C-alpha atoms as a PDB file:
ATOM      1  CA  MET A   1       3.394 -14.696  11.954  1.00  0.00           C
ATOM      2  CA  GLN A   2       2.494 -14.729   8.292  1.00  0.00           C
ATOM      3  CA  PRO A   3       5.146 -15.251   5.574  1.00  0.00           C
ATOM      4  CA  ILE A   4       5.899 -12.493   3.133  1.00  0.00           C
ATOM      5  CA  MET A   5       7.352 -12.648  -0.370  1.00  0.00           C
ATOM      6  CA  VAL A   6       9.568  -9.934  -1.783  1.00  0.00           C
ATOM      7  CA  VAL A   7      10.034  -9.948  -5.542  1.00  0.00           C
ATOM      8  CA  PRO A   8      11.785  -6.803  -6.914  1.00  0.00           C
ATOM      9  CA  SER A   9      12.369  -6.384 -10.580  1.00  0.00           C
ATOM     10  CA  ALA A  10      15.944  -7.268 -11.601  1.00  0.00           C
ATOM     11  CA  GLU A  11      16.192  -4.358 -14.051  1.00  0.00           C
ATOM     12  CA  ASP A  12      14.036  -1.703 -12.468  1.00  0.00           C
ATOM     13  CA  GLN A  13      14.861   1.567 -14.189  1.00  0.00           C
ATOM     14  CA  TYR A  14      13.935   3.588 -11.109  1.00  0.00           C
ATOM     15  CA  VAL A  15      16.463   1.924  -8.852  1.00  0.00           C
ATOM     16  CA  PRO A  16      20.092   3.177  -8.996  1.00  0.00           C
ATOM     17  CA  ARG A  17      22.500   0.671 -10.575  1.00  0.00           C
ATOM     18  CA  THR A  18      24.540   0.884  -7.375  1.00  0.00           C
ATOM     19  CA  VAL A  19      21.864  -1.128  -5.521  1.00  0.00           C
ATOM     20  CA  ASP A  20      22.839  -4.786  -5.218  1.00  0.00           C
ATOM     21  CA  PHE A  21      19.475  -6.522  -4.936  1.00  0.00           C
ATOM     22  CA  GLU A  22      21.024  -9.922  -4.126  1.00  0.00           C
ATOM     23  CA  LYS A  23      22.763  -8.473  -1.073  1.00  0.00           C
ATOM     24  CA  LEU A  24      19.692  -6.399  -0.174  1.00  0.00           C
ATOM     25  CA  LEU A  25      17.412  -9.416  -0.317  1.00  0.00           C
ATOM     26  CA  ALA A  26      19.796 -11.365   1.909  1.00  0.00           C
ATOM     27  CA  LYS A  27      19.948  -8.441   4.377  1.00  0.00           C
ATOM     28  CA  TRP A  28      16.106  -8.233   4.431  1.00  0.00           C
ATOM     29  CA  GLN A  29      15.890 -12.026   5.029  1.00  0.00           C
ATOM     30  CA  SER A  30      18.280 -11.780   7.941  1.00  0.00           C
ATOM     31  CA  PHE A  31      15.947  -9.206   9.552  1.00  0.00           C
ATOM     32  CA  CYS A  32      12.723 -10.922   8.583  1.00  0.00           C
ATOM     33  CA  PRO A  33      12.706 -14.689   9.273  1.00  0.00           C
ATOM     34  CA  SER A  34       9.162 -14.927   7.877  1.00  0.00           C
ATOM     35  CA  MET A  35      10.382 -13.935   4.420  1.00  0.00           C
ATOM     36  CA  SER A  36       9.590 -16.717   1.988  1.00  0.00           C
ATOM     37  CA  ASP A  37      12.264 -18.721   0.208  1.00  0.00           C
ATOM     38  CA  LEU A  38      10.285 -17.960  -2.937  1.00  0.00           C
ATOM     39  CA  SER A  39      11.406 -14.340  -2.708  1.00  0.00           C
ATOM     40  CA  GLY A  40      13.801 -13.273  -5.392  1.00  0.00           C
ATOM     41  CA  LEU A  41      14.556 -11.032  -8.328  1.00  0.00           C
ATOM     42  CA  ILE A  42      12.130 -11.120 -11.227  1.00  0.00           C
ATOM     43  CA  PRO A  43      14.513 -11.916 -14.069  1.00  0.00           C
ATOM     44  CA  GLY A  44      14.626  -9.476 -16.937  1.00  0.00           C
ATOM     45  CA  ALA A  45      11.862  -7.343 -15.434  1.00  0.00           C
ATOM     46  CA  ASN A  46      11.695  -3.592 -15.545  1.00  0.00           C
ATOM     47  CA  HIS A  47       9.674  -1.513 -13.001  1.00  0.00           C
ATOM     48  CA  THR A  48       6.287  -2.488 -14.557  1.00  0.00           C
ATOM     49  CA  VAL A  49       7.256  -6.056 -15.444  1.00  0.00           C
ATOM     50  CA  ASP A  50       6.550  -5.655 -19.197  1.00  0.00           C
ATOM     51  CA  ALA A  51       8.392  -8.664 -20.525  1.00  0.00           C
ATOM     52  CA  GLU A  52       6.167 -11.748 -21.014  1.00  0.00           C
ATOM     53  CA  ALA A  53       8.774 -14.116 -19.651  1.00  0.00           C
ATOM     54  CA  SER A  54       9.087 -11.979 -16.510  1.00  0.00           C
ATOM     55  CA  GLN A  55       5.340 -11.921 -16.098  1.00  0.00           C
ATOM     56  CA  ASP A  56       5.207 -15.701 -16.399  1.00  0.00           C
ATOM     57  CA  TRP A  57       7.983 -16.035 -13.815  1.00  0.00           C
ATOM     58  CA  LEU A  58       6.212 -13.688 -11.426  1.00  0.00           C
ATOM     59  CA  GLY A  59       2.823 -15.337 -11.895  1.00  0.00           C
ATOM     60  CA  ASN A  60       4.334 -18.761 -11.188  1.00  0.00           C
ATOM     61  CA  ARG A  61       6.088 -17.504  -8.023  1.00  0.00           C
ATOM     62  CA  VAL A  62       2.930 -15.816  -6.709  1.00  0.00           C
ATOM     63  CA  ALA A  63       0.894 -19.040  -7.326  1.00  0.00           C
ATOM     64  CA  ARG A  64       3.478 -21.115  -5.546  1.00  0.00           C
ATOM     65  CA  PHE A  65       3.575 -18.717  -2.643  1.00  0.00           C
ATOM     66  CA  LEU A  66      -0.187 -18.686  -2.328  1.00  0.00           C
ATOM     67  CA  LYS A  67      -0.230 -22.502  -2.396  1.00  0.00           C
ATOM     68  CA  SER A  68       2.409 -22.541   0.373  1.00  0.00           C
ATOM     69  CA  LEU A  69       0.093 -20.413   2.531  1.00  0.00           C
ATOM     70  CA  ASP A  70      -2.815 -22.681   1.998  1.00  0.00           C
ATOM     71  CA  SER A  71      -0.790 -25.792   2.881  1.00  0.00           C
ATOM     72  CA  SER A  72       0.637 -24.261   6.031  1.00  0.00           C
ATOM     73  CA  LYS A  73      -2.795 -24.155   7.710  1.00  0.00           C
END
């Protein structure tokens, strides 16, 4: 089973404000044991991740996730 990483935008303008992403991520993780611990909300990110700091965070997370895949072989 391959791990997956879930990284929704914390301030996605297309997601209703009633959605609690922290609870939703925890629920998904309970159903999907292969979900990476690197999963999490992209801080300050809108739907298209326009903010440079959010892009940096996301790029760093993706790089760490890919490295973890390489080291698990």
